[in-house]
Amino acid sequence: MEKNLTDTARANKALVQPLLFEEARLEYEDLIFAFVSRRIRPIEEAEDIVAHVFVDAYIQWKRLRGNPRNWLLGIARRKVCDALRKQRKQWSVKEDDSQTCGLGVFMVANEAREAIAIVMLLPDDQRDAFLLQVLEELPIDQIAEIMQRSPASVNSLLQRARTRIQRTLESQNREGVSQ
């Protein structure tokens, strides 16, 4: 009798896991696509990466612990890094981002290209932490989970990123004044 209960529990778990995955895919697909498409062009390539994210997530779904949103963003971040390493292409910011997210204060439409260039000068980890906070508007604890770091480490990365951005802006202002 106990063996039958165990087999029934396993069968029910097998039926539930794909359902939970499908719910997570439906709920977070747009978020993952937005995250990837801000960094990868052309859009078709971003779509391919999003598909790979969900294939990997499906395969590893049993290993999920905690928030599926952060877990999926972590997979997407690694896939984007892999794609950028392979291509050595730069991500781009959508024009809408200057009005629809926290980056609006930092970016004015005519300064968007300069802002992108400055952010691209940041080391990878600093850039990822900065973009997750500014573009995705995630709190530090979620960024830490996605980047698999401690919140203190993420705070440090963000502080270093802001300092670098400020120094770059000051340097550009000095060069602009002296010309």
C-alpha atoms as a PDB file:
ATOM      1  CA  MET A   1       0.000   0.000   0.000  1.00  0.00           C
ATOM      2  CA  GLU A   2       2.814   2.409   0.935  1.00  0.00           C
ATOM      3  CA  LYS A   3       4.547   1.734  -2.373  1.00  0.00           C
ATOM      4  CA  ASN A   4       1.360   2.649  -4.261  1.00  0.00           C
ATOM      5  CA  LEU A   5       1.114   5.936  -2.364  1.00  0.00           C
ATOM      6  CA  THR A   6       4.715   6.760  -3.235  1.00  0.00           C
ATOM      7  CA  ASP A   7       4.138   5.931  -6.904  1.00  0.00           C
ATOM      8  CA  THR A   8       0.953   8.011  -6.896  1.00  0.00           C
ATOM      9  CA  ALA A   9       2.768  10.932  -5.248  1.00  0.00           C
ATOM     10  CA  ARG A  10       5.530  10.741  -7.889  1.00  0.00           C
ATOM     11  CA  ALA A  11       2.978  10.621 -10.700  1.00  0.00           C
ATOM     12  CA  ASN A  12       1.134  13.614  -9.258  1.00  0.00           C
ATOM     13  CA  LYS A  13       4.413  15.506  -8.851  1.00  0.00           C
ATOM     14  CA  ALA A  14       5.324  14.764 -12.474  1.00  0.00           C
ATOM     15  CA  LEU A  15       1.951  16.119 -13.561  1.00  0.00           C
ATOM     16  CA  VAL A  16       2.236  19.219 -11.384  1.00  0.00           C
ATOM     17  CA  GLN A  17       5.809  20.237 -12.316  1.00  0.00           C
ATOM     18  CA  PRO A  18       5.111  20.855 -16.055  1.00  0.00           C
ATOM     19  CA  LEU A  19       1.967  22.745 -15.141  1.00  0.00           C
ATOM     20  CA  LEU A  20       3.928  24.988 -12.775  1.00  0.00           C
ATOM     21  CA  PHE A  21       6.572  25.497 -15.471  1.00  0.00           C
ATOM     22  CA  GLU A  22       3.927  26.458 -18.014  1.00  0.00           C
ATOM     23  CA  GLU A  23       2.404  28.957 -15.591  1.00  0.00           C
ATOM     24  CA  ALA A  24       5.820  30.479 -14.927  1.00  0.00           C
ATOM     25  CA  ARG A  25       6.591  30.614 -18.641  1.00  0.00           C
ATOM     26  CA  LEU A  26       3.349  32.429 -19.372  1.00  0.00           C
ATOM     27  CA  GLU A  27       3.830  34.811 -16.467  1.00  0.00           C
ATOM     28  CA  TYR A  28       7.488  35.700 -17.072  1.00  0.00           C
ATOM     29  CA  GLU A  29       7.971  35.304 -20.827  1.00  0.00           C
ATOM     30  CA  ASP A  30       7.415  39.020 -21.526  1.00  0.00           C
ATOM     31  CA  LEU A  31       9.768  40.046 -18.711  1.00  0.00           C
ATOM     32  CA  ILE A  32      12.500  37.690 -19.923  1.00  0.00           C
ATOM     33  CA  PHE A  33      12.053  38.872 -23.513  1.00  0.00           C
ATOM     34  CA  ALA A  34      12.299  42.529 -22.442  1.00  0.00           C
ATOM     35  CA  PHE A  35      15.431  41.759 -20.419  1.00  0.00           C
ATOM     36  CA  VAL A  36      17.096  39.927 -23.316  1.00  0.00           C
ATOM     37  CA  SER A  37      15.946  42.235 -26.126  1.00  0.00           C
ATOM     38  CA  ARG A  38      17.442  45.287 -24.395  1.00  0.00           C
ATOM     39  CA  ARG A  39      20.833  43.642 -24.649  1.00  0.00           C
ATOM     40  CA  ILE A  40      20.696  41.549 -27.828  1.00  0.00           C
ATOM     41  CA  ARG A  41      19.985  42.649 -31.379  1.00  0.00           C
ATOM     42  CA  PRO A  42      18.509  41.713 -33.803  1.00  0.00           C
ATOM     43  CA  ILE A  43      15.178  40.845 -32.217  1.00  0.00           C
ATOM     44  CA  GLU A  44      15.190  37.414 -33.860  1.00  0.00           C
ATOM     45  CA  GLU A  45      18.356  36.535 -31.960  1.00  0.00           C
ATOM     46  CA  ALA A  46      16.790  37.776 -28.713  1.00  0.00           C
ATOM     47  CA  GLU A  47      13.798  35.525 -29.395  1.00  0.00           C
ATOM     48  CA  ASP A  48      16.152  32.557 -29.891  1.00  0.00           C
ATOM     49  CA  ILE A  49      17.898  33.278 -26.592  1.00  0.00           C
ATOM     50  CA  VAL A  50      14.566  33.544 -24.760  1.00  0.00           C
ATOM     51  CA  ALA A  51      13.603  30.157 -26.218  1.00  0.00           C
ATOM     52  CA  HIS A  52      16.897  28.693 -24.962  1.00  0.00           C
ATOM     53  CA  VAL A  53      16.257  30.202 -21.524  1.00  0.00           C
ATOM     54  CA  PHE A  54      12.929  28.418 -21.253  1.00  0.00           C
ATOM     55  CA  VAL A  55      14.293  25.150 -22.655  1.00  0.00           C
ATOM     56  CA  ASP A  56      17.038  25.174 -20.023  1.00  0.00           C
ATOM     57  CA  ALA A  57      14.535  26.160 -17.349  1.00  0.00           C
ATOM     58  CA  TYR A  58      12.233  23.295 -18.319  1.00  0.00           C
ATOM     59  CA  ILE A  59      15.090  20.789 -18.214  1.00  0.00           C
ATOM     60  CA  GLN A  60      16.245  22.046 -14.801  1.00  0.00           C
ATOM     61  CA  TRP A  61      12.787  22.877 -13.380  1.00  0.00           C
ATOM     62  CA  LYS A  62      13.137  20.287 -10.596  1.00  0.00           C
ATOM     63  CA  ARG A  63      16.156  22.186  -9.256  1.00  0.00           C
ATOM     64  CA  LEU A  64      14.191  25.421  -8.806  1.00  0.00           C
ATOM     65  CA  ARG A  65      14.392  26.775  -5.280  1.00  0.00           C
ATOM     66  CA  GLY A  66      12.787  30.098  -4.466  1.00  0.00           C
ATOM     67  CA  ASN A  67      11.400  32.721  -6.796  1.00  0.00           C
ATOM     68  CA  PRO A  68      11.019  31.524 -10.424  1.00  0.00           C
ATOM     69  CA  ARG A  69      11.251  35.136 -11.665  1.00  0.00           C
ATOM     70  CA  ASN A  70      14.742  35.634 -10.277  1.00  0.00           C
ATOM     71  CA  TRP A  71      15.811  32.149 -11.317  1.00  0.00           C
ATOM     72  CA  LEU A  72      14.677  32.762 -14.901  1.00  0.00           C
ATOM     73  CA  LEU A  73      16.368  36.187 -14.964  1.00  0.00           C
ATOM     74  CA  GLY A  74      19.570  34.523 -13.784  1.00  0.00           C
ATOM     75  CA  ILE A  75      19.406  32.020 -16.633  1.00  0.00           C
ATOM     76  CA  ALA A  76      18.656  34.834 -19.073  1.00  0.00           C
ATOM     77  CA  ARG A  77      21.603  36.864 -17.785  1.00  0.00           C
ATOM     78  CA  ARG A  78      23.982  33.959 -18.351  1.00  0.00           C
ATOM     79  CA  LYS A  79      22.568  33.310 -21.830  1.00  0.00           C
ATOM     80  CA  VAL A  80      22.969  36.987 -22.743  1.00  0.00           C
ATOM     81  CA  CYS A  81      26.564  36.998 -21.477  1.00  0.00           C
ATOM     82  CA  ASP A  82      27.309  33.895 -23.539  1.00  0.00           C
ATOM     83  CA  ALA A  83      25.784  35.433 -26.663  1.00  0.00           C
ATOM     84  CA  LEU A  84      27.650  38.724 -26.204  1.00  0.00           C
ATOM     85  CA  ARG A  85      30.912  36.875 -25.688  1.00  0.00           C
ATOM     86  CA  LYS A  86      30.339  34.962 -28.898  1.00  0.00           C
ATOM     87  CA  GLN A  87      29.302  37.978 -30.928  1.00  0.00           C
ATOM     88  CA  ARG A  88      31.103  40.836 -29.228  1.00  0.00           C
ATOM     89  CA  LYS A  89      28.123  43.025 -30.107  1.00  0.00           C
ATOM     90  CA  GLN A  90      26.727  45.754 -27.901  1.00  0.00           C
ATOM     91  CA  TRP A  91      23.259  45.775 -26.391  1.00  0.00           C
ATOM     92  CA  SER A  92      20.981  48.703 -27.032  1.00  0.00           C
ATOM     93  CA  VAL A  93      18.389  50.565 -25.057  1.00  0.00           C
ATOM     94  CA  LYS A  94      14.949  50.981 -26.546  1.00  0.00           C
ATOM     95  CA  GLU A  95      13.836  54.572 -27.056  1.00  0.00           C
ATOM     96  CA  ASP A  96      10.799  53.885 -24.857  1.00  0.00           C
ATOM     97  CA  ASP A  97      13.066  53.056 -21.895  1.00  0.00           C
ATOM     98  CA  SER A  98      13.847  56.726 -21.268  1.00  0.00           C
ATOM     99  CA  GLN A  99      10.181  57.372 -20.481  1.00  0.00           C
ATOM    100  CA  THR A 100       9.013  54.050 -19.009  1.00  0.00           C
ATOM    101  CA  CYS A 101      11.569  53.150 -16.356  1.00  0.00           C
ATOM    102  CA  GLY A 102      13.970  54.500 -13.730  1.00  0.00           C
ATOM    103  CA  LEU A 103      16.521  55.277 -16.403  1.00  0.00           C
ATOM    104  CA  GLY A 104      14.460  58.336 -17.450  1.00  0.00           C
ATOM    105  CA  VAL A 105      16.240  60.582 -14.946  1.00  0.00           C
ATOM    106  CA  PHE A 106      19.617  59.396 -16.232  1.00  0.00           C
ATOM    107  CA  MET A 107      18.724  59.574 -19.899  1.00  0.00           C
ATOM    108  CA  VAL A 108      17.276  62.352 -21.967  1.00  0.00           C
ATOM    109  CA  ALA A 109      16.443  61.399 -25.550  1.00  0.00           C
ATOM    110  CA  ASN A 110      19.384  63.275 -27.080  1.00  0.00           C
ATOM    111  CA  GLU A 111      21.806  61.814 -24.464  1.00  0.00           C
ATOM    112  CA  ALA A 112      20.780  58.166 -24.866  1.00  0.00           C
ATOM    113  CA  ARG A 113      23.748  57.216 -27.048  1.00  0.00           C
ATOM    114  CA  GLU A 114      26.206  58.856 -24.654  1.00  0.00           C
ATOM    115  CA  ALA A 115      24.586  57.087 -21.693  1.00  0.00           C
ATOM    116  CA  ILE A 116      24.838  53.728 -23.477  1.00  0.00           C
ATOM    117  CA  ALA A 117      28.499  54.337 -24.283  1.00  0.00           C
ATOM    118  CA  ILE A 118      29.266  55.229 -20.661  1.00  0.00           C
ATOM    119  CA  VAL A 119      27.442  52.184 -19.286  1.00  0.00           C
ATOM    120  CA  MET A 120      29.205  49.924 -21.803  1.00  0.00           C
ATOM    121  CA  LEU A 121      32.554  51.063 -20.369  1.00  0.00           C
ATOM    122  CA  LEU A 122      31.682  49.445 -17.040  1.00  0.00           C
ATOM    123  CA  PRO A 123      33.077  45.990 -16.216  1.00  0.00           C
ATOM    124  CA  ASP A 124      30.535  43.211 -16.931  1.00  0.00           C
ATOM    125  CA  ASP A 125      29.425  42.611 -13.331  1.00  0.00           C
ATOM    126  CA  GLN A 126      29.042  46.317 -12.579  1.00  0.00           C
ATOM    127  CA  ARG A 127      27.135  46.858 -15.834  1.00  0.00           C
ATOM    128  CA  ASP A 128      24.803  43.917 -15.150  1.00  0.00           C
ATOM    129  CA  ALA A 129      24.058  45.035 -11.590  1.00  0.00           C
ATOM    130  CA  PHE A 130      23.518  48.640 -12.713  1.00  0.00           C
ATOM    131  CA  LEU A 131      21.186  47.648 -15.573  1.00  0.00           C
ATOM    132  CA  LEU A 132      19.204  45.250 -13.391  1.00  0.00           C
ATOM    133  CA  GLN A 133      18.645  48.037 -10.890  1.00  0.00           C
ATOM    134  CA  VAL A 134      18.011  50.874 -13.326  1.00  0.00           C
ATOM    135  CA  LEU A 135      16.346  49.242 -16.337  1.00  0.00           C
ATOM    136  CA  GLU A 136      14.629  46.322 -14.660  1.00  0.00           C
ATOM    137  CA  GLU A 137      14.006  48.280 -11.419  1.00  0.00           C
ATOM    138  CA  LEU A 138      14.873  45.286  -9.248  1.00  0.00           C
ATOM    139  CA  PRO A 139      15.724  45.610  -5.564  1.00  0.00           C
ATOM    140  CA  ILE A 140      19.227  44.701  -4.407  1.00  0.00           C
ATOM    141  CA  ASP A 141      18.199  41.385  -2.843  1.00  0.00           C
ATOM    142  CA  GLN A 142      16.739  40.172  -6.144  1.00  0.00           C
ATOM    143  CA  ILE A 143      19.801  41.387  -8.069  1.00  0.00           C
ATOM    144  CA  ALA A 144      21.960  39.463  -5.600  1.00  0.00           C
ATOM    145  CA  GLU A 145      19.930  36.306  -6.182  1.00  0.00           C
ATOM    146  CA  ILE A 146      20.128  36.682  -9.982  1.00  0.00           C
ATOM    147  CA  MET A 147      23.868  37.373  -9.943  1.00  0.00           C
ATOM    148  CA  GLN A 148      24.473  34.715  -7.278  1.00  0.00           C
ATOM    149  CA  ARG A 149      26.209  37.187  -4.988  1.00  0.00           C
ATOM    150  CA  SER A 150      25.554  38.607  -1.558  1.00  0.00           C
ATOM    151  CA  PRO A 151      23.533  41.834  -1.228  1.00  0.00           C
ATOM    152  CA  ALA A 152      26.675  43.534   0.171  1.00  0.00           C
ATOM    153  CA  SER A 153      28.603  42.509  -2.942  1.00  0.00           C
ATOM    154  CA  VAL A 154      25.848  43.884  -5.186  1.00  0.00           C
ATOM    155  CA  ASN A 155      25.850  47.144  -3.207  1.00  0.00           C
ATOM    156  CA  SER A 156      29.575  47.376  -3.756  1.00  0.00           C
ATOM    157  CA  LEU A 157      29.205  46.721  -7.500  1.00  0.00           C
ATOM    158  CA  LEU A 158      26.503  49.374  -7.769  1.00  0.00           C
ATOM    159  CA  GLN A 159      28.562  51.922  -5.854  1.00  0.00           C
ATOM    160  CA  ARG A 160      31.592  51.274  -8.053  1.00  0.00           C
ATOM    161  CA  ALA A 161      29.426  51.546 -11.172  1.00  0.00           C
ATOM    162  CA  ARG A 162      27.967  54.886 -10.056  1.00  0.00           C
ATOM    163  CA  THR A 163      31.431  56.195  -9.177  1.00  0.00           C
ATOM    164  CA  ARG A 164      32.784  55.165 -12.580  1.00  0.00           C
ATOM    165  CA  ILE A 165      29.849  56.747 -14.378  1.00  0.00           C
ATOM    166  CA  GLN A 166      30.281  59.963 -12.426  1.00  0.00           C
ATOM    167  CA  ARG A 167      34.044  60.086 -13.129  1.00  0.00           C
ATOM    168  CA  THR A 168      33.432  59.466 -16.831  1.00  0.00           C
ATOM    169  CA  LEU A 169      30.849  62.244 -16.950  1.00  0.00           C
ATOM    170  CA  GLU A 170      33.174  64.635 -15.101  1.00  0.00           C
ATOM    171  CA  SER A 171      35.998  63.758 -17.471  1.00  0.00           C
ATOM    172  CA  GLN A 172      33.794  64.375 -20.489  1.00  0.00           C
ATOM    173  CA  ASN A 173      32.634  67.694 -19.029  1.00  0.00           C
ATOM    174  CA  ARG A 174      36.249  68.799 -18.470  1.00  0.00           C
ATOM    175  CA  GLU A 175      37.144  67.819 -22.037  1.00  0.00           C
ATOM    176  CA  GLY A 176      34.086  69.655 -23.353  1.00  0.00           C
ATOM    177  CA  VAL A 177      34.997  72.827 -21.422  1.00  0.00           C
ATOM    178  CA  SER A 178      38.620  72.788 -22.564  1.00  0.00           C
ATOM    179  CA  GLN A 179      37.695  72.473 -26.239  1.00  0.00           C
END
